[in-house]
Amino acid sequence: MMARAPGRWLHLAPKGLVRFLCVGFGGLAVDQSVLWVSEHFGAPYAAARALAILVATCVTWALNRRFTFGDSGRSPHMEALRYFAVAMAAQYGVNYPVSLAVPAVVPHIPHALAAFIGAVVATLFSYSGQRFFTFARPATPSDKGADQRD
């Protein structure tokens, strides 16, 4: 039996998910780089993790705006605030605690692997928030009128 090409199934992925994951891998590379450099220069792991997440979030906002979701129709400042709200909830509410808990449970795990696990766990939450909150088009007056007629 002939195997199906992996690209045949890409249309089943939610809108923008593949690009979001590609941007996420870029953000993860930034995250890991900042983490390594920070620890190399003596920063404690918790502080290095917090800095790495912040820098990676700035990079991924710009990349997701450009390549994944496009302009939301809001001012860049408002869009950035919405992006950072979702990212901070995902990163500091999910990623950060997971990436700190993993080494507490498995003491000899490399910090880079713990950070990766935290990022993976936070990805679904982050994608949903960015797609349906940050980059969702603002409601128009005609949208509100249609809701009232239903």
C-alpha atoms as a PDB file:
ATOM      1  CA  MET A   1       0.000   0.000   0.000  1.00  0.00           C
ATOM      2  CA  MET A   2       1.315   3.419  -0.933  1.00  0.00           C
ATOM      3  CA  ALA A   3       1.827   5.960   1.889  1.00  0.00           C
ATOM      4  CA  ARG A   4      -0.017   9.244   1.562  1.00  0.00           C
ATOM      5  CA  ALA A   5       1.947  12.455   1.251  1.00  0.00           C
ATOM      6  CA  PRO A   6       2.009  14.337   4.552  1.00  0.00           C
ATOM      7  CA  GLY A   7       0.894  17.554   2.833  1.00  0.00           C
ATOM      8  CA  ARG A   8      -2.464  15.975   1.945  1.00  0.00           C
ATOM      9  CA  TRP A   9      -3.605  16.335   5.534  1.00  0.00           C
ATOM     10  CA  LEU A  10      -2.454  19.909   6.123  1.00  0.00           C
ATOM     11  CA  HIS A  11      -5.865  21.280   5.070  1.00  0.00           C
ATOM     12  CA  LEU A  12      -7.320  19.619   8.176  1.00  0.00           C
ATOM     13  CA  ALA A  13      -5.199  21.750  10.513  1.00  0.00           C
ATOM     14  CA  PRO A  14      -6.908  24.805  12.018  1.00  0.00           C
ATOM     15  CA  LYS A  15      -6.326  28.058  10.137  1.00  0.00           C
ATOM     16  CA  GLY A  16      -2.779  29.329  10.608  1.00  0.00           C
ATOM     17  CA  LEU A  17      -1.686  26.483  12.889  1.00  0.00           C
ATOM     18  CA  VAL A  18       1.205  25.317  10.690  1.00  0.00           C
ATOM     19  CA  ARG A  19       2.588  28.857  10.382  1.00  0.00           C
ATOM     20  CA  PHE A  20       2.004  29.431  14.110  1.00  0.00           C
ATOM     21  CA  LEU A  21       4.041  26.310  14.882  1.00  0.00           C
ATOM     22  CA  CYS A  22       6.833  27.420  12.517  1.00  0.00           C
ATOM     23  CA  VAL A  23       6.955  30.836  14.204  1.00  0.00           C
ATOM     24  CA  GLY A  24       6.849  29.011  17.532  1.00  0.00           C
ATOM     25  CA  PHE A  25       9.921  26.995  16.615  1.00  0.00           C
ATOM     26  CA  GLY A  26      11.697  30.251  15.779  1.00  0.00           C
ATOM     27  CA  GLY A  27      10.564  31.682  19.103  1.00  0.00           C
ATOM     28  CA  LEU A  28      11.743  28.530  20.835  1.00  0.00           C
ATOM     29  CA  ALA A  29      15.188  28.976  19.251  1.00  0.00           C
ATOM     30  CA  VAL A  30      15.298  32.541  20.597  1.00  0.00           C
ATOM     31  CA  ASP A  31      14.038  31.321  23.989  1.00  0.00           C
ATOM     32  CA  GLN A  32      16.674  28.592  24.204  1.00  0.00           C
ATOM     33  CA  SER A  33      19.442  30.955  23.078  1.00  0.00           C
ATOM     34  CA  VAL A  34      18.573  33.623  25.655  1.00  0.00           C
ATOM     35  CA  LEU A  35      18.247  30.931  28.344  1.00  0.00           C
ATOM     36  CA  TRP A  36      21.674  29.495  27.516  1.00  0.00           C
ATOM     37  CA  VAL A  37      23.410  32.870  27.315  1.00  0.00           C
ATOM     38  CA  SER A  38      21.783  34.081  30.546  1.00  0.00           C
ATOM     39  CA  GLU A  39      22.762  30.940  32.469  1.00  0.00           C
ATOM     40  CA  HIS A  40      26.233  30.987  30.902  1.00  0.00           C
ATOM     41  CA  PHE A  41      26.744  34.471  32.344  1.00  0.00           C
ATOM     42  CA  GLY A  42      25.566  33.387  35.786  1.00  0.00           C
ATOM     43  CA  ALA A  43      21.847  34.198  35.900  1.00  0.00           C
ATOM     44  CA  PRO A  44      19.825  31.821  38.081  1.00  0.00           C
ATOM     45  CA  TYR A  45      17.586  29.461  36.108  1.00  0.00           C
ATOM     46  CA  ALA A  46      14.300  31.107  37.185  1.00  0.00           C
ATOM     47  CA  ALA A  47      15.497  34.583  36.154  1.00  0.00           C
ATOM     48  CA  ALA A  48      16.998  33.271  32.907  1.00  0.00           C
ATOM     49  CA  ARG A  49      13.687  31.530  32.095  1.00  0.00           C
ATOM     50  CA  ALA A  50      11.681  34.702  32.715  1.00  0.00           C
ATOM     51  CA  LEU A  51      13.987  36.788  30.496  1.00  0.00           C
ATOM     52  CA  ALA A  52      14.035  34.160  27.743  1.00  0.00           C
ATOM     53  CA  ILE A  53      10.232  34.019  27.636  1.00  0.00           C
ATOM     54  CA  LEU A  54       9.954  37.816  27.454  1.00  0.00           C
ATOM     55  CA  VAL A  55      12.436  38.151  24.575  1.00  0.00           C
ATOM     56  CA  ALA A  56      10.892  35.241  22.653  1.00  0.00           C
ATOM     57  CA  THR A  57       7.418  36.760  23.074  1.00  0.00           C
ATOM     58  CA  CYS A  58       8.547  40.019  21.461  1.00  0.00           C
ATOM     59  CA  VAL A  59       9.997  38.107  18.506  1.00  0.00           C
ATOM     60  CA  THR A  60       6.950  35.868  18.029  1.00  0.00           C
ATOM     61  CA  TRP A  61       4.494  38.799  18.101  1.00  0.00           C
ATOM     62  CA  ALA A  62       6.297  40.421  15.181  1.00  0.00           C
ATOM     63  CA  LEU A  63       6.552  37.133  13.256  1.00  0.00           C
ATOM     64  CA  ASN A  64       2.959  36.034  13.900  1.00  0.00           C
ATOM     65  CA  ARG A  65       1.682  39.449  12.846  1.00  0.00           C
ATOM     66  CA  ARG A  66       3.704  39.275   9.645  1.00  0.00           C
ATOM     67  CA  PHE A  67       3.440  35.620   8.630  1.00  0.00           C
ATOM     68  CA  THR A  68       0.652  33.836  10.523  1.00  0.00           C
ATOM     69  CA  PHE A  69      -2.388  35.975  11.200  1.00  0.00           C
ATOM     70  CA  GLY A  70      -1.718  39.293   9.469  1.00  0.00           C
ATOM     71  CA  ASP A  71      -2.925  42.664  10.611  1.00  0.00           C
ATOM     72  CA  SER A  72      -5.900  42.378  12.974  1.00  0.00           C
ATOM     73  CA  GLY A  73      -7.374  45.730  11.997  1.00  0.00           C
ATOM     74  CA  ARG A  74      -6.486  47.183  15.393  1.00  0.00           C
ATOM     75  CA  SER A  75      -3.711  49.657  16.078  1.00  0.00           C
ATOM     76  CA  PRO A  76      -0.331  47.932  16.452  1.00  0.00           C
ATOM     77  CA  HIS A  77      -0.208  49.114  20.076  1.00  0.00           C
ATOM     78  CA  MET A  78      -3.602  47.594  20.935  1.00  0.00           C
ATOM     79  CA  GLU A  79      -2.757  44.414  19.057  1.00  0.00           C
ATOM     80  CA  ALA A  80       0.579  44.150  20.887  1.00  0.00           C
ATOM     81  CA  LEU A  81      -1.188  44.606  24.241  1.00  0.00           C
ATOM     82  CA  ARG A  82      -3.656  41.842  23.381  1.00  0.00           C
ATOM     83  CA  TYR A  83      -0.831  39.586  22.141  1.00  0.00           C
ATOM     84  CA  PHE A  84       1.205  40.117  25.290  1.00  0.00           C
ATOM     85  CA  ALA A  85      -1.853  39.476  27.494  1.00  0.00           C
ATOM     86  CA  VAL A  86      -2.416  36.084  25.850  1.00  0.00           C
ATOM     87  CA  ALA A  87       1.314  35.323  25.691  1.00  0.00           C
ATOM     88  CA  MET A  88       1.865  36.189  29.328  1.00  0.00           C
ATOM     89  CA  ALA A  89      -1.066  33.997  30.361  1.00  0.00           C
ATOM     90  CA  ALA A  90       0.300  31.142  28.235  1.00  0.00           C
ATOM     91  CA  GLN A  91       3.957  31.654  29.055  1.00  0.00           C
ATOM     92  CA  TYR A  92       3.905  32.725  32.689  1.00  0.00           C
ATOM     93  CA  GLY A  93       0.689  30.893  33.597  1.00  0.00           C
ATOM     94  CA  VAL A  94       1.495  27.604  31.839  1.00  0.00           C
ATOM     95  CA  ASN A  95       5.000  27.449  30.318  1.00  0.00           C
ATOM     96  CA  TYR A  96       6.944  29.000  33.194  1.00  0.00           C
ATOM     97  CA  PRO A  97       5.395  26.922  36.004  1.00  0.00           C
ATOM     98  CA  VAL A  98       5.723  23.714  33.973  1.00  0.00           C
ATOM     99  CA  SER A  99       9.352  24.475  33.071  1.00  0.00           C
ATOM    100  CA  LEU A 100      10.128  25.046  36.768  1.00  0.00           C
ATOM    101  CA  ALA A 101       8.125  22.038  37.996  1.00  0.00           C
ATOM    102  CA  VAL A 102       9.771  19.529  35.658  1.00  0.00           C
ATOM    103  CA  PRO A 103      13.292  19.944  37.152  1.00  0.00           C
ATOM    104  CA  ALA A 104      11.764  19.829  40.656  1.00  0.00           C
ATOM    105  CA  VAL A 105      10.264  16.432  39.824  1.00  0.00           C
ATOM    106  CA  VAL A 106      13.154  15.206  37.635  1.00  0.00           C
ATOM    107  CA  PRO A 107      16.229  16.926  39.136  1.00  0.00           C
ATOM    108  CA  HIS A 108      18.783  15.839  36.531  1.00  0.00           C
ATOM    109  CA  ILE A 109      16.789  16.878  33.463  1.00  0.00           C
ATOM    110  CA  PRO A 110      18.586  19.461  31.303  1.00  0.00           C
ATOM    111  CA  HIS A 111      17.085  22.924  31.697  1.00  0.00           C
ATOM    112  CA  ALA A 112      16.686  23.244  27.914  1.00  0.00           C
ATOM    113  CA  LEU A 113      14.494  20.113  27.874  1.00  0.00           C
ATOM    114  CA  ALA A 114      12.411  21.391  30.789  1.00  0.00           C
ATOM    115  CA  ALA A 115      11.909  24.678  28.927  1.00  0.00           C
ATOM    116  CA  PHE A 116      10.904  22.782  25.772  1.00  0.00           C
ATOM    117  CA  ILE A 117       8.326  20.734  27.691  1.00  0.00           C
ATOM    118  CA  GLY A 118       6.845  23.909  29.138  1.00  0.00           C
ATOM    119  CA  ALA A 119       6.626  25.464  25.671  1.00  0.00           C
ATOM    120  CA  VAL A 120       4.871  22.436  24.208  1.00  0.00           C
ATOM    121  CA  VAL A 121       2.273  22.393  26.987  1.00  0.00           C
ATOM    122  CA  ALA A 122       1.553  26.120  26.512  1.00  0.00           C
ATOM    123  CA  THR A 123       1.253  26.005  22.702  1.00  0.00           C
ATOM    124  CA  LEU A 124      -2.405  24.996  22.368  1.00  0.00           C
ATOM    125  CA  PHE A 125      -3.548  27.637  24.845  1.00  0.00           C
ATOM    126  CA  SER A 126      -1.439  30.269  23.115  1.00  0.00           C
ATOM    127  CA  TYR A 127      -2.621  29.430  19.582  1.00  0.00           C
ATOM    128  CA  SER A 128      -6.275  29.576  20.583  1.00  0.00           C
ATOM    129  CA  GLY A 129      -5.886  32.897  22.374  1.00  0.00           C
ATOM    130  CA  GLN A 130      -3.899  34.514  19.580  1.00  0.00           C
ATOM    131  CA  ARG A 131      -6.236  33.317  16.842  1.00  0.00           C
ATOM    132  CA  PHE A 132      -9.560  34.067  18.520  1.00  0.00           C
ATOM    133  CA  PHE A 133      -8.642  37.091  20.661  1.00  0.00           C
ATOM    134  CA  THR A 134      -5.541  38.941  19.485  1.00  0.00           C
ATOM    135  CA  PHE A 135      -5.835  38.601  15.717  1.00  0.00           C
ATOM    136  CA  ALA A 136      -9.622  38.239  15.433  1.00  0.00           C
ATOM    137  CA  ARG A 137     -11.071  41.082  13.399  1.00  0.00           C
ATOM    138  CA  PRO A 138     -12.890  43.657  15.537  1.00  0.00           C
ATOM    139  CA  ALA A 139     -16.675  43.404  15.409  1.00  0.00           C
ATOM    140  CA  THR A 140     -18.313  45.924  13.093  1.00  0.00           C
ATOM    141  CA  PRO A 141     -21.659  47.648  13.685  1.00  0.00           C
ATOM    142  CA  SER A 142     -23.206  45.448  10.968  1.00  0.00           C
ATOM    143  CA  ASP A 143     -22.023  42.337  12.871  1.00  0.00           C
ATOM    144  CA  LYS A 144     -23.828  43.554  15.988  1.00  0.00           C
ATOM    145  CA  GLY A 145     -27.033  44.170  14.019  1.00  0.00           C
ATOM    146  CA  ALA A 146     -26.902  40.652  12.587  1.00  0.00           C
ATOM    147  CA  ASP A 147     -26.543  39.222  16.108  1.00  0.00           C
ATOM    148  CA  GLN A 148     -29.637  41.070  17.261  1.00  0.00           C
ATOM    149  CA  ARG A 149     -31.722  39.709  14.361  1.00  0.00           C
ATOM    150  CA  ASP A 150     -30.852  36.065  15.107  1.00  0.00           C
END
